[in-house]
Each structure stands twice: as structure tokens, then as C-alpha cells.
Amino acid sequence: MPAIVGAVQVMSIGSSGVFNIGDVFKISPASTSKTFAGAGSFNTGEQISLYNNQSSTNTFDSDVSDQPTLLNL
């Protein structure tokens, strides 16, 4: 069933973002990224108590590709 859309105002879209109005069959990502972070890096909230005596982040990655986007059409 077709979509009926009124006025739309887009202020900004990120470099790997997708904007769609109406019917869509398939939306695929155009980019990938990898994030390395140490212990307690992504904690959010109020009054977080975190104790890391000796923390290290292993960033060694032996494989060539983690999430290929070559055939994402």
C-alpha cells in the first residue's frame, strides 16, 4: 500500500545515515566501523563507581575484514 507523507524537513543526515520516505524493499549500510574501548568506557548514568586496577584494550585484529559491504546492493 503506498505511503502518504506530508511535509518533511531534514536538518542533517550523518555520513552513513539512511533517509527514506515511502515504501522500501531493502535498505543496506554503505559503511562500517570498528570501535575499541577499555573497561567501563561506555557506562552511562549518575554516580557510577568504577574501579579498574590494571586495564588494557587489545586492538590486535588478525582477520582482514569483519563486515564487508562489497556486495551490499
Protein backbone atom coordinates (compact mmCIF):
# COMPACT_ATOMS: atom_id res chain seq x y z
CA MET A 1 0.00 0.00 0.00
CA PRO A 2 1.52 3.37 -0.94
CA ALA A 3 2.53 5.75 1.82
CA ILE A 4 1.05 9.23 2.04
CA VAL A 5 3.54 11.67 3.53
CA GLY A 6 3.04 15.31 4.44
CA ALA A 7 5.70 18.00 4.73
CA VAL A 8 9.14 16.78 5.80
CA GLN A 9 12.10 18.88 6.93
CA VAL A 10 15.50 17.18 7.24
CA MET A 11 18.09 19.21 9.11
CA SER A 12 21.04 16.82 8.67
CA ILE A 13 21.91 13.20 7.95
CA GLY A 14 25.13 11.55 9.09
CA SER A 15 27.68 10.25 6.63
CA SER A 16 26.40 6.67 6.93
CA GLY A 17 22.76 7.52 7.64
CA VAL A 18 19.75 6.48 5.58
CA PHE A 19 16.70 8.65 4.93
CA ASN A 20 13.61 7.05 3.44
CA ILE A 21 10.08 8.27 2.71
CA GLY A 22 7.51 5.82 1.48
CA ASP A 23 7.66 2.14 0.66
CA VAL A 24 11.05 0.46 0.63
CA PHE A 25 12.18 -3.05 -0.27
CA LYS A 26 15.70 -3.07 1.12
CA ILE A 27 17.98 -0.63 2.95
CA SER A 28 21.65 -1.62 3.31
CA PRO A 29 24.50 0.12 5.10
CA ALA A 30 27.09 1.88 2.97
CA SER A 31 29.88 1.93 5.55
CA THR A 32 31.13 0.05 8.58
CA SER A 33 33.36 0.94 11.51
CA LYS A 34 35.08 -0.74 14.43
CA THR A 35 35.35 0.69 17.93
CA PHE A 36 37.84 -0.30 20.57
CA ALA A 37 37.23 0.81 24.15
CA GLY A 38 38.62 -0.08 27.54
CA ALA A 39 36.84 -1.32 30.63
CA GLY A 40 34.00 0.96 31.69
CA SER A 41 34.23 3.20 28.62
CA PHE A 42 30.56 3.11 27.62
CA ASN A 43 29.00 3.39 31.08
CA THR A 44 26.26 5.99 31.36
CA GLY A 45 24.23 7.13 34.31
CA GLU A 46 24.50 9.04 37.54
CA GLN A 47 27.09 8.36 40.24
CA ILE A 48 28.91 5.47 38.57
CA SER A 49 31.68 3.95 40.67
CA LEU A 50 34.18 2.05 38.56
CA TYR A 51 37.42 0.51 39.78
CA ASN A 52 39.86 -0.78 37.17
CA ASN A 53 43.22 -1.55 38.70
CA GLN A 54 45.02 -2.52 35.51
CA SER A 55 43.01 -2.17 32.32
CA SER A 56 44.29 -2.59 28.78
CA THR A 57 42.48 -2.84 25.47
CA ASN A 58 43.70 -5.33 22.90
CA THR A 59 43.33 -3.74 19.46
CA PHE A 60 45.06 -6.54 17.53
CA ASP A 61 42.79 -7.85 14.77
CA SER A 62 44.21 -10.65 12.66
CA ASP A 63 41.35 -11.03 10.17
CA VAL A 64 41.24 -8.91 7.01
CA SER A 65 37.57 -7.93 7.00
CA ASP A 66 34.89 -8.02 9.70
CA GLN A 67 31.78 -6.76 7.92
CA PRO A 68 32.28 -6.42 4.18
CA THR A 69 29.97 -4.10 2.26
CA LEU A 70 31.26 -5.02 -1.20
CA LEU A 71 28.11 -6.83 -2.36
CA ASN A 72 25.58 -4.75 -0.40
CA LEU A 73 23.42 -3.58 -3.25
